[in-house]
N, C-alpha and C. Protein backbone atom coordinates (compact mmCIF):
# COMPACT_ATOMS: atom_id res chain seq x y z
N MET A 1 146.39 34.46 42.37
CA MET A 1 145.02 34.60 42.81
C MET A 1 144.11 34.07 41.72
N GLY A 2 143.05 33.36 42.11
CA GLY A 2 142.15 32.74 41.14
C GLY A 2 141.15 33.72 40.55
N ARG A 3 140.51 33.25 39.52
CA ARG A 3 139.49 34.06 38.85
C ARG A 3 138.22 34.15 39.68
N ALA A 4 137.54 35.29 39.60
CA ALA A 4 136.27 35.46 40.32
C ALA A 4 135.20 34.60 39.67
N GLY A 5 134.32 34.07 40.46
CA GLY A 5 133.24 33.25 39.93
C GLY A 5 132.17 34.08 39.24
N ARG A 6 131.19 33.39 38.77
CA ARG A 6 130.08 34.05 38.09
C ARG A 6 129.31 34.90 39.09
N PRO A 7 128.95 36.14 38.71
CA PRO A 7 128.22 36.99 39.66
C PRO A 7 126.83 36.41 39.92
N SER A 8 126.36 36.55 41.14
CA SER A 8 125.04 36.00 41.49
C SER A 8 123.94 36.84 40.88
N LYS A 9 122.86 36.17 40.53
CA LYS A 9 121.72 36.86 39.94
C LYS A 9 120.88 37.49 41.05
N PRO A 10 120.34 38.67 40.79
CA PRO A 10 119.52 39.32 41.82
C PRO A 10 118.18 38.62 41.96
N GLY A 11 117.53 38.87 43.06
CA GLY A 11 116.20 38.32 43.28
C GLY A 11 116.08 37.62 44.60
N ARG A 12 114.87 37.24 44.93
CA ARG A 12 114.62 36.56 46.20
C ARG A 12 115.13 35.14 46.15
N ARG A 13 115.48 34.62 47.32
CA ARG A 13 116.03 33.26 47.41
C ARG A 13 115.39 32.51 48.58
N THR A 14 115.42 31.20 48.47
CA THR A 14 114.96 30.35 49.57
C THR A 14 116.02 30.34 50.66
N ARG A 15 115.75 29.66 51.78
CA ARG A 15 116.72 29.58 52.86
C ARG A 15 118.01 28.90 52.40
N ARG A 16 117.89 27.99 51.49
CA ARG A 16 119.07 27.26 51.02
C ARG A 16 119.81 28.00 49.91
N GLY A 17 119.31 29.16 49.54
CA GLY A 17 120.01 29.96 48.55
C GLY A 17 119.53 29.79 47.12
N LYS A 18 118.55 28.93 46.90
CA LYS A 18 118.04 28.72 45.55
C LYS A 18 117.15 29.91 45.17
N ARG A 19 117.32 30.40 43.94
CA ARG A 19 116.56 31.56 43.48
C ARG A 19 115.08 31.23 43.33
N ILE A 20 114.22 32.17 43.74
CA ILE A 20 112.78 32.03 43.55
C ILE A 20 112.42 32.85 42.32
N SER A 21 111.92 32.18 41.32
CA SER A 21 111.55 32.92 40.10
C SER A 21 110.16 33.50 40.27
N THR A 22 110.02 34.75 39.97
CA THR A 22 108.72 35.41 40.04
C THR A 22 108.26 35.72 38.62
N PRO A 23 107.08 35.22 38.25
CA PRO A 23 106.60 35.49 36.90
C PRO A 23 106.26 36.96 36.73
N ALA A 24 106.49 37.44 35.54
CA ALA A 24 106.18 38.84 35.24
C ALA A 24 104.67 39.03 35.25
N PHE A 25 104.22 40.17 35.75
CA PHE A 25 102.79 40.48 35.79
C PHE A 25 102.28 40.69 34.38
N ASP A 26 101.23 39.99 34.02
CA ASP A 26 100.65 40.11 32.68
C ASP A 26 99.70 41.30 32.65
N ARG A 27 100.05 42.32 31.92
CA ARG A 27 99.23 43.52 31.84
C ARG A 27 98.25 43.46 30.67
N GLY A 28 98.18 42.35 29.99
CA GLY A 28 97.24 42.20 28.89
C GLY A 28 97.87 42.51 27.55
N ALA A 29 97.10 42.31 26.52
CA ALA A 29 97.57 42.57 25.16
C ALA A 29 97.81 44.06 24.97
N ALA A 30 98.52 44.39 23.91
CA ALA A 30 98.88 45.79 23.64
C ALA A 30 97.64 46.68 23.51
N HIS A 31 96.59 46.18 22.83
CA HIS A 31 95.39 47.02 22.66
C HIS A 31 94.66 47.23 23.99
N VAL A 32 94.75 46.26 24.90
CA VAL A 32 94.14 46.42 26.22
C VAL A 32 94.90 47.48 27.02
N GLN A 33 96.21 47.45 26.94
CA GLN A 33 97.02 48.45 27.63
C GLN A 33 96.77 49.85 27.07
N ARG A 34 96.65 49.96 25.73
CA ARG A 34 96.37 51.27 25.13
C ARG A 34 95.01 51.80 25.60
N LEU A 35 94.03 50.90 25.69
CA LEU A 35 92.69 51.30 26.13
C LEU A 35 92.73 51.80 27.56
N ARG A 36 93.42 51.09 28.44
CA ARG A 36 93.54 51.53 29.83
C ARG A 36 94.26 52.86 29.93
N ASP A 37 95.33 53.01 29.16
CA ASP A 37 96.07 54.28 29.18
C ASP A 37 95.22 55.44 28.68
N ARG A 38 94.38 55.16 27.69
CA ARG A 38 93.54 56.21 27.10
C ARG A 38 92.57 56.79 28.13
N PHE A 39 92.09 55.94 29.04
CA PHE A 39 91.10 56.37 30.02
C PHE A 39 91.70 56.56 31.41
N ALA A 40 93.02 56.54 31.53
CA ALA A 40 93.68 56.58 32.84
C ALA A 40 93.41 57.86 33.61
N ARG A 41 93.16 58.96 32.92
CA ARG A 41 92.98 60.24 33.63
C ARG A 41 91.57 60.44 34.17
N PHE A 42 90.69 59.48 33.93
CA PHE A 42 89.30 59.61 34.39
C PHE A 42 89.07 58.81 35.67
N GLN A 43 88.06 59.21 36.42
CA GLN A 43 87.64 58.53 37.65
C GLN A 43 88.81 58.38 38.63
N ASP A 44 89.58 59.43 38.78
CA ASP A 44 90.73 59.44 39.69
C ASP A 44 91.71 58.31 39.40
N GLY A 45 91.86 57.97 38.13
CA GLY A 45 92.80 56.93 37.73
C GLY A 45 92.29 55.51 37.93
N LYS A 46 91.03 55.35 38.31
CA LYS A 46 90.49 54.02 38.61
C LYS A 46 89.67 53.45 37.46
N ALA A 47 89.62 54.12 36.33
CA ALA A 47 88.76 53.68 35.23
C ALA A 47 89.34 52.49 34.47
N GLY A 48 90.63 52.24 34.61
CA GLY A 48 91.29 51.21 33.81
C GLY A 48 90.67 49.83 33.90
N GLN A 49 90.14 49.47 35.05
CA GLN A 49 89.56 48.14 35.22
C GLN A 49 88.13 48.04 34.69
N GLN A 50 87.53 49.15 34.31
CA GLN A 50 86.11 49.14 33.93
C GLN A 50 85.87 49.46 32.46
N VAL A 51 86.91 49.61 31.66
CA VAL A 51 86.73 50.06 30.28
C VAL A 51 86.70 48.91 29.28
N PHE A 52 86.33 47.72 29.73
CA PHE A 52 86.33 46.56 28.85
C PHE A 52 85.06 46.42 28.02
N ASP A 53 84.06 47.27 28.25
CA ASP A 53 82.83 47.21 27.46
C ASP A 53 82.30 48.64 27.27
N PRO A 54 81.34 48.83 26.37
CA PRO A 54 80.85 50.18 26.09
C PRO A 54 80.29 50.91 27.31
N ILE A 55 79.53 50.23 28.15
CA ILE A 55 78.94 50.91 29.30
C ILE A 55 80.02 51.30 30.31
N GLY A 56 81.07 50.51 30.40
CA GLY A 56 82.19 50.85 31.27
C GLY A 56 82.94 52.07 30.77
N ARG A 57 83.10 52.18 29.46
CA ARG A 57 83.76 53.36 28.90
C ARG A 57 82.89 54.61 29.06
N ALA A 58 81.57 54.43 28.91
CA ALA A 58 80.66 55.57 29.14
C ALA A 58 80.74 56.03 30.59
N TRP A 59 80.79 55.09 31.52
CA TRP A 59 80.93 55.44 32.94
C TRP A 59 82.26 56.14 33.19
N ALA A 60 83.32 55.63 32.57
CA ALA A 60 84.66 56.16 32.83
C ALA A 60 84.77 57.64 32.51
N VAL A 61 84.17 58.08 31.41
CA VAL A 61 84.29 59.49 31.02
C VAL A 61 83.18 60.35 31.61
N GLY A 62 82.32 59.77 32.44
CA GLY A 62 81.31 60.55 33.13
C GLY A 62 80.01 60.74 32.38
N LEU A 63 79.73 59.91 31.39
CA LEU A 63 78.49 60.07 30.62
C LEU A 63 77.26 59.54 31.35
N LEU A 64 77.44 58.77 32.41
CA LEU A 64 76.30 58.22 33.14
C LEU A 64 75.91 59.07 34.35
N GLU A 65 76.52 60.23 34.48
CA GLU A 65 76.20 61.12 35.61
C GLU A 65 74.73 61.53 35.56
N ASN A 66 74.10 61.54 36.72
CA ASN A 66 72.71 61.94 36.83
C ASN A 66 72.44 62.38 38.25
N ALA A 67 71.27 62.94 38.50
CA ALA A 67 70.96 63.48 39.82
C ALA A 67 70.34 62.44 40.75
N ARG A 68 69.95 61.27 40.25
CA ARG A 68 69.19 60.32 41.07
C ARG A 68 70.01 59.16 41.63
N THR A 69 70.96 58.64 40.85
CA THR A 69 71.64 57.42 41.25
C THR A 69 73.13 57.51 40.93
N ASP A 70 73.92 56.83 41.71
CA ASP A 70 75.36 56.76 41.48
C ASP A 70 75.62 56.14 40.10
N PRO A 71 76.47 56.75 39.27
CA PRO A 71 76.74 56.21 37.93
C PRO A 71 77.28 54.78 37.94
N ALA A 72 78.03 54.40 38.97
CA ALA A 72 78.53 53.03 39.05
C ALA A 72 77.39 52.03 39.20
N VAL A 73 76.32 52.45 39.88
CA VAL A 73 75.15 51.58 40.02
C VAL A 73 74.49 51.39 38.66
N LEU A 74 74.40 52.46 37.87
CA LEU A 74 73.84 52.34 36.52
C LEU A 74 74.69 51.42 35.65
N ARG A 75 76.01 51.57 35.74
CA ARG A 75 76.93 50.72 34.98
C ARG A 75 76.69 49.26 35.32
N ASP A 76 76.62 48.96 36.60
CA ASP A 76 76.44 47.57 37.03
C ASP A 76 75.05 47.04 36.68
N ALA A 77 74.04 47.91 36.75
CA ALA A 77 72.68 47.49 36.37
C ALA A 77 72.62 47.15 34.89
N GLY A 78 73.30 47.94 34.06
CA GLY A 78 73.34 47.65 32.63
C GLY A 78 74.05 46.35 32.33
N ARG A 79 75.15 46.10 33.01
CA ARG A 79 75.87 44.84 32.81
C ARG A 79 75.05 43.65 33.28
N ASP A 80 74.36 43.82 34.40
CA ASP A 80 73.52 42.74 34.92
C ASP A 80 72.38 42.44 33.96
N TYR A 81 71.76 43.49 33.44
CA TYR A 81 70.67 43.30 32.48
C TYR A 81 71.17 42.55 31.25
N ALA A 82 72.34 42.93 30.75
CA ALA A 82 72.88 42.27 29.56
C ALA A 82 73.14 40.78 29.82
N ALA A 83 73.70 40.46 30.98
CA ALA A 83 73.97 39.06 31.30
C ALA A 83 72.67 38.27 31.41
N LEU A 84 71.65 38.86 32.04
CA LEU A 84 70.36 38.19 32.15
C LEU A 84 69.68 38.06 30.80
N TYR A 85 69.82 39.09 29.97
CA TYR A 85 69.21 39.06 28.62
C TYR A 85 69.75 37.89 27.81
N TRP A 86 71.10 37.76 27.78
CA TRP A 86 71.69 36.71 26.97
C TRP A 86 71.55 35.34 27.63
N GLY A 87 71.23 35.30 28.91
CA GLY A 87 70.88 34.03 29.54
C GLY A 87 69.46 33.62 29.20
N TYR A 88 68.59 34.62 29.04
CA TYR A 88 67.19 34.35 28.72
C TYR A 88 67.00 34.04 27.25
N TYR A 89 67.74 34.75 26.39
CA TYR A 89 67.69 34.51 24.95
C TYR A 89 69.03 33.92 24.51
N PRO A 90 69.27 32.64 24.77
CA PRO A 90 70.60 32.08 24.50
C PRO A 90 70.94 31.96 23.03
N SER A 91 69.95 31.90 22.17
CA SER A 91 70.20 31.76 20.75
C SER A 91 69.66 32.99 20.03
N VAL A 92 70.53 33.67 19.29
CA VAL A 92 70.12 34.91 18.63
C VAL A 92 68.98 34.68 17.66
N GLY A 93 69.07 33.62 16.85
CA GLY A 93 68.05 33.36 15.84
C GLY A 93 66.83 32.66 16.40
N GLY A 94 66.89 32.19 17.65
CA GLY A 94 65.74 31.51 18.22
C GLY A 94 65.77 30.01 18.01
N VAL A 95 66.32 29.55 16.91
CA VAL A 95 66.39 28.12 16.65
C VAL A 95 67.85 27.73 16.62
N SER A 96 68.20 26.78 17.49
CA SER A 96 69.59 26.35 17.51
C SER A 96 69.83 25.31 16.42
N ASN A 97 70.92 25.43 15.74
CA ASN A 97 71.21 24.54 14.61
C ASN A 97 71.45 23.11 15.03
N TYR A 98 72.04 22.92 16.18
CA TYR A 98 72.44 21.57 16.55
C TYR A 98 71.31 20.76 17.17
N GLN A 99 70.23 21.38 17.63
CA GLN A 99 69.13 20.63 18.19
C GLN A 99 67.82 20.85 17.45
N ALA A 100 67.80 21.82 16.54
CA ALA A 100 66.61 22.13 15.74
C ALA A 100 65.37 22.34 16.62
N GLU A 101 65.55 23.07 17.70
CA GLU A 101 64.40 23.38 18.55
C GLU A 101 64.35 24.87 18.82
N ASP A 102 63.15 25.36 19.04
CA ASP A 102 62.97 26.78 19.31
C ASP A 102 63.32 27.04 20.77
N ARG A 103 64.29 27.95 20.99
CA ARG A 103 64.75 28.21 22.35
C ARG A 103 64.41 29.63 22.79
N ARG A 104 63.61 30.36 22.04
CA ARG A 104 63.24 31.70 22.49
C ARG A 104 62.43 31.58 23.77
N GLY A 105 62.80 32.36 24.76
CA GLY A 105 62.07 32.36 26.02
C GLY A 105 62.49 31.24 26.95
N ALA A 106 63.26 30.27 26.45
CA ALA A 106 63.78 29.23 27.33
C ALA A 106 65.15 29.66 27.82
N VAL A 107 65.49 29.29 29.00
CA VAL A 107 66.76 29.71 29.56
C VAL A 107 67.68 28.52 29.72
N TRP A 108 68.96 28.81 29.80
CA TRP A 108 69.93 27.75 30.09
C TRP A 108 69.70 27.29 31.51
N SER A 109 69.92 26.02 31.74
CA SER A 109 69.73 25.51 33.09
C SER A 109 70.79 26.10 34.02
N GLY A 110 70.43 26.29 35.24
CA GLY A 110 71.36 26.85 36.21
C GLY A 110 71.43 28.35 36.09
N GLY A 111 72.52 28.91 36.55
CA GLY A 111 72.68 30.36 36.50
C GLY A 111 71.95 31.02 37.65
N GLU A 112 72.02 32.34 37.68
CA GLU A 112 71.42 33.05 38.81
C GLU A 112 69.94 33.35 38.60
N ASP A 113 69.42 33.12 37.40
CA ASP A 113 68.01 33.38 37.12
C ASP A 113 67.46 32.24 36.27
N PRO A 114 67.40 31.02 36.82
CA PRO A 114 67.06 29.86 35.98
C PRO A 114 65.67 29.90 35.37
N ALA A 115 64.71 30.53 36.01
CA ALA A 115 63.36 30.60 35.44
C ALA A 115 63.15 31.86 34.61
N GLY A 116 64.10 32.77 34.63
CA GLY A 116 63.97 34.00 33.85
C GLY A 116 63.05 35.04 34.46
N GLU A 117 62.64 34.85 35.71
CA GLU A 117 61.68 35.77 36.34
C GLU A 117 62.30 37.14 36.59
N ARG A 118 63.53 37.14 37.05
CA ARG A 118 64.20 38.43 37.32
C ARG A 118 64.38 39.22 36.03
N PHE A 119 64.81 38.53 34.97
CA PHE A 119 64.96 39.22 33.69
C PHE A 119 63.63 39.79 33.23
N GLN A 120 62.56 39.02 33.35
CA GLN A 120 61.26 39.50 32.88
C GLN A 120 60.80 40.72 33.66
N ARG A 121 61.10 40.77 34.98
CA ARG A 121 60.75 41.97 35.77
C ARG A 121 61.55 43.18 35.27
N LEU A 122 62.86 42.98 35.05
CA LEU A 122 63.68 44.09 34.58
C LEU A 122 63.27 44.53 33.17
N GLU A 123 62.95 43.58 32.33
CA GLU A 123 62.52 43.91 30.96
C GLU A 123 61.22 44.70 30.98
N ALA A 124 60.31 44.34 31.88
CA ALA A 124 59.05 45.10 32.00
C ALA A 124 59.33 46.52 32.47
N ARG A 125 60.25 46.69 33.41
CA ARG A 125 60.62 48.04 33.87
C ARG A 125 61.21 48.87 32.73
N LEU A 126 62.06 48.22 31.94
CA LEU A 126 62.69 48.93 30.82
C LEU A 126 61.66 49.31 29.76
N LYS A 127 60.70 48.44 29.50
CA LYS A 127 59.64 48.78 28.55
C LYS A 127 58.79 49.93 29.05
N ASP A 128 58.55 49.96 30.37
CA ASP A 128 57.76 51.05 30.96
C ASP A 128 58.47 52.39 30.85
N ALA A 129 59.80 52.37 30.71
CA ALA A 129 60.55 53.62 30.59
C ALA A 129 60.33 54.28 29.23
N GLY A 130 59.77 53.55 28.29
CA GLY A 130 59.49 54.10 26.96
C GLY A 130 60.36 53.47 25.89
N ARG A 131 59.86 53.55 24.67
CA ARG A 131 60.55 52.91 23.56
C ARG A 131 61.94 53.48 23.31
N ALA A 132 62.07 54.80 23.33
CA ALA A 132 63.38 55.42 23.08
C ALA A 132 64.39 55.03 24.14
N SER A 133 63.96 55.00 25.40
CA SER A 133 64.86 54.62 26.49
C SER A 133 65.27 53.16 26.38
N ARG A 134 64.32 52.31 26.05
CA ARG A 134 64.63 50.88 25.91
C ARG A 134 65.62 50.65 24.78
N GLU A 135 65.37 51.27 23.62
CA GLU A 135 66.26 51.07 22.48
C GLU A 135 67.65 51.62 22.76
N ALA A 136 67.73 52.77 23.41
CA ALA A 136 69.04 53.36 23.71
C ALA A 136 69.80 52.53 24.74
N ALA A 137 69.10 52.06 25.77
CA ALA A 137 69.76 51.24 26.79
C ALA A 137 70.22 49.92 26.20
N GLN A 138 69.41 49.33 25.33
CA GLN A 138 69.83 48.08 24.69
C GLN A 138 71.00 48.32 23.74
N SER A 139 71.01 49.45 23.06
CA SER A 139 72.15 49.77 22.20
C SER A 139 73.43 49.86 23.02
N LEU A 140 73.33 50.47 24.19
CA LEU A 140 74.49 50.63 25.05
C LEU A 140 74.93 49.32 25.69
N CYS A 141 73.99 48.49 26.11
CA CYS A 141 74.32 47.29 26.89
C CYS A 141 74.41 46.01 26.06
N LEU A 142 73.61 45.89 25.01
CA LEU A 142 73.50 44.61 24.33
C LEU A 142 74.19 44.53 22.97
N ASP A 143 74.15 45.61 22.21
CA ASP A 143 74.59 45.54 20.81
C ASP A 143 76.04 45.08 20.67
N PHE A 144 76.88 45.43 21.62
CA PHE A 144 78.29 45.06 21.52
C PHE A 144 78.70 44.14 22.66
N TYR A 145 77.75 43.40 23.21
CA TYR A 145 78.04 42.49 24.33
C TYR A 145 79.07 41.45 23.94
N TRP A 146 78.94 40.92 22.73
CA TRP A 146 79.86 39.86 22.27
C TRP A 146 81.10 40.44 21.59
N PHE A 147 81.12 41.73 21.34
CA PHE A 147 82.27 42.41 20.73
C PHE A 147 82.60 43.64 21.57
N PRO A 148 83.06 43.45 22.81
CA PRO A 148 83.14 44.57 23.75
C PRO A 148 84.23 45.60 23.45
N ASP A 149 85.09 45.35 22.49
CA ASP A 149 86.13 46.34 22.17
C ASP A 149 85.57 47.51 21.37
N ASP A 150 84.38 47.36 20.80
CA ASP A 150 83.77 48.40 19.98
C ASP A 150 82.65 49.08 20.74
N ASN A 151 82.26 50.25 20.26
CA ASN A 151 81.16 51.02 20.83
C ASN A 151 80.12 51.29 19.76
N PRO A 152 78.87 51.56 20.16
CA PRO A 152 77.92 52.10 19.19
C PRO A 152 78.47 53.43 18.66
N ALA A 153 78.18 53.77 17.42
CA ALA A 153 78.74 54.97 16.80
C ALA A 153 78.39 56.23 17.59
N TRP A 154 77.15 56.32 18.09
CA TRP A 154 76.74 57.51 18.84
C TRP A 154 77.54 57.65 20.13
N LEU A 155 77.85 56.51 20.76
CA LEU A 155 78.63 56.57 22.00
C LEU A 155 80.08 56.92 21.71
N ASP A 156 80.61 56.40 20.61
CA ASP A 156 81.98 56.75 20.22
C ASP A 156 82.16 58.26 20.09
N ARG A 157 81.18 58.91 19.45
CA ARG A 157 81.28 60.36 19.26
C ARG A 157 81.23 61.11 20.59
N LEU A 158 80.38 60.67 21.51
CA LEU A 158 80.30 61.32 22.82
C LEU A 158 81.56 61.09 23.65
N ILE A 159 82.11 59.89 23.58
CA ILE A 159 83.36 59.60 24.30
C ILE A 159 84.49 60.43 23.72
N ASN A 160 84.55 60.54 22.40
CA ASN A 160 85.61 61.35 21.77
C ASN A 160 85.55 62.80 22.24
N ALA A 161 84.35 63.33 22.39
CA ALA A 161 84.22 64.71 22.87
C ALA A 161 84.76 64.84 24.29
N ARG A 162 84.47 63.86 25.16
CA ARG A 162 84.97 63.90 26.54
C ARG A 162 86.49 63.73 26.59
N LEU A 163 87.01 62.83 25.74
CA LEU A 163 88.45 62.62 25.70
C LEU A 163 89.17 63.88 25.24
N ALA A 164 88.63 64.51 24.20
CA ALA A 164 89.26 65.74 23.69
C ALA A 164 89.22 66.84 24.74
N ALA A 165 88.11 66.95 25.47
CA ALA A 165 88.01 67.98 26.51
C ALA A 165 89.00 67.75 27.64
N ALA A 166 89.34 66.47 27.89
CA ALA A 166 90.28 66.15 28.96
C ALA A 166 91.73 66.15 28.47
N GLY A 167 91.93 66.41 27.18
CA GLY A 167 93.29 66.43 26.64
C GLY A 167 93.85 65.07 26.32
N ALA A 168 93.00 64.05 26.27
CA ALA A 168 93.45 62.70 25.93
C ALA A 168 93.34 62.50 24.42
N ALA A 169 93.93 61.42 23.95
CA ALA A 169 93.90 61.13 22.51
C ALA A 169 92.47 60.79 22.09
N ALA A 170 91.95 61.57 21.17
CA ALA A 170 90.60 61.35 20.66
C ALA A 170 90.65 61.34 19.14
N ALA A 171 89.92 60.44 18.55
CA ALA A 171 89.86 60.35 17.09
C ALA A 171 88.40 60.40 16.67
N GLY A 172 88.13 61.04 15.58
CA GLY A 172 86.78 61.11 15.08
C GLY A 172 86.10 62.41 15.43
N THR A 173 84.81 62.44 15.17
CA THR A 173 84.04 63.66 15.36
C THR A 173 83.42 63.67 16.75
N PRO A 174 83.20 64.85 17.31
CA PRO A 174 82.52 64.91 18.61
C PRO A 174 81.03 64.63 18.45
N GLY A 175 80.37 64.37 19.56
CA GLY A 175 78.96 64.03 19.54
C GLY A 175 78.06 65.19 19.16
N SER A 176 76.90 64.85 18.63
CA SER A 176 75.91 65.85 18.23
C SER A 176 74.80 65.91 19.28
N GLU A 177 73.83 66.78 19.07
CA GLU A 177 72.69 66.88 19.98
C GLU A 177 71.86 65.60 19.92
N ALA A 178 71.78 64.97 18.75
CA ALA A 178 71.04 63.70 18.63
C ALA A 178 71.72 62.61 19.45
N ASP A 179 73.06 62.60 19.46
CA ASP A 179 73.79 61.62 20.27
C ASP A 179 73.54 61.87 21.76
N ALA A 180 73.54 63.14 22.16
CA ALA A 180 73.29 63.48 23.56
C ALA A 180 71.88 63.07 23.97
N ALA A 181 70.91 63.24 23.06
CA ALA A 181 69.53 62.84 23.35
C ALA A 181 69.45 61.33 23.51
N ARG A 182 70.19 60.61 22.68
CA ARG A 182 70.21 59.14 22.80
C ARG A 182 70.81 58.72 24.13
N LEU A 183 71.86 59.42 24.56
CA LEU A 183 72.47 59.11 25.84
C LEU A 183 71.50 59.38 26.99
N ARG A 184 70.78 60.51 26.93
CA ARG A 184 69.81 60.82 27.98
C ARG A 184 68.74 59.73 28.06
N ALA A 185 68.30 59.25 26.90
CA ALA A 185 67.31 58.17 26.88
C ALA A 185 67.89 56.89 27.47
N ALA A 186 69.16 56.60 27.16
CA ALA A 186 69.81 55.40 27.71
C ALA A 186 69.92 55.50 29.23
N VAL A 187 70.27 56.68 29.73
CA VAL A 187 70.38 56.86 31.18
C VAL A 187 69.01 56.67 31.84
N GLU A 188 67.94 57.15 31.20
CA GLU A 188 66.60 56.92 31.75
C GLU A 188 66.28 55.42 31.80
N GLY A 189 66.67 54.70 30.75
CA GLY A 189 66.47 53.25 30.77
C GLY A 189 67.28 52.57 31.85
N LEU A 190 68.53 53.00 32.02
CA LEU A 190 69.38 52.42 33.07
C LEU A 190 68.84 52.74 34.46
N LEU A 191 68.28 53.95 34.63
CA LEU A 191 67.66 54.29 35.91
C LEU A 191 66.49 53.36 36.20
N ALA A 192 65.69 53.06 35.18
CA ALA A 192 64.58 52.12 35.37
C ALA A 192 65.09 50.75 35.77
N LEU A 193 66.20 50.31 35.14
CA LEU A 193 66.78 49.01 35.48
C LEU A 193 67.32 49.01 36.91
N ALA A 194 68.04 50.07 37.27
CA ALA A 194 68.65 50.12 38.60
C ALA A 194 67.60 50.20 39.69
N GLU A 195 66.56 50.99 39.47
CA GLU A 195 65.52 51.12 40.47
C GLU A 195 64.63 49.89 40.50
N GLY A 196 64.47 49.22 39.36
CA GLY A 196 63.69 47.99 39.32
C GLY A 196 64.45 46.79 39.82
N GLY A 197 65.79 46.90 39.82
CA GLY A 197 66.61 45.79 40.28
C GLY A 197 66.73 45.70 41.78
N LYS A 198 66.34 46.76 42.51
CA LYS A 198 66.42 46.73 43.97
C LYS A 198 65.40 45.71 44.51
N GLY A 199 65.91 44.78 45.20
CA GLY A 199 65.03 43.76 45.79
C GLY A 199 64.49 42.78 44.79
N ALA A 200 65.01 42.79 43.54
CA ALA A 200 64.48 41.86 42.53
C ALA A 200 65.24 40.56 42.51
N ARG A 201 66.21 40.40 43.37
CA ARG A 201 67.02 39.16 43.36
C ARG A 201 66.28 38.02 44.03
């Protein structure tokens, strides 16, 4: 009796018997997976897709809860404001090095707000909410826009307190009353953005 052939490899096959290779699902880098796992117990397990920026992490642990508007609407209003802000102010210093021209107040061509009118309406609403609310909302939405893996220090402390209360891994000190006041001011600013954004498109 002859020797048995090579065992067939498992997996799906075409009609002719050729194996169909299926690429492995990319779950992201190790730090992205750790971040998703850290917030997995929040928002009924749905927070993993929203924790890529500070406002998403604040939403995930329930810091944007309020009596007037759905917290997801505030999260999206903050993200929208940040995108419009950086479209309206494309150069941080105001003068671009490669063209030596002042670009403050000028917008990039194209985009969803080419004339900057929508941003200016939202910015006026945020200013009307008061200086503390504007500064807190900008700290939450803008300060780490280009470095979304980090949080403002005050937000880190508040998130750590929520993580510790939920039994998740938390590092650092819990938030203080000053941090909570800053969060309340940020929520007021986000409410102004969300309510001002209705019909502003």
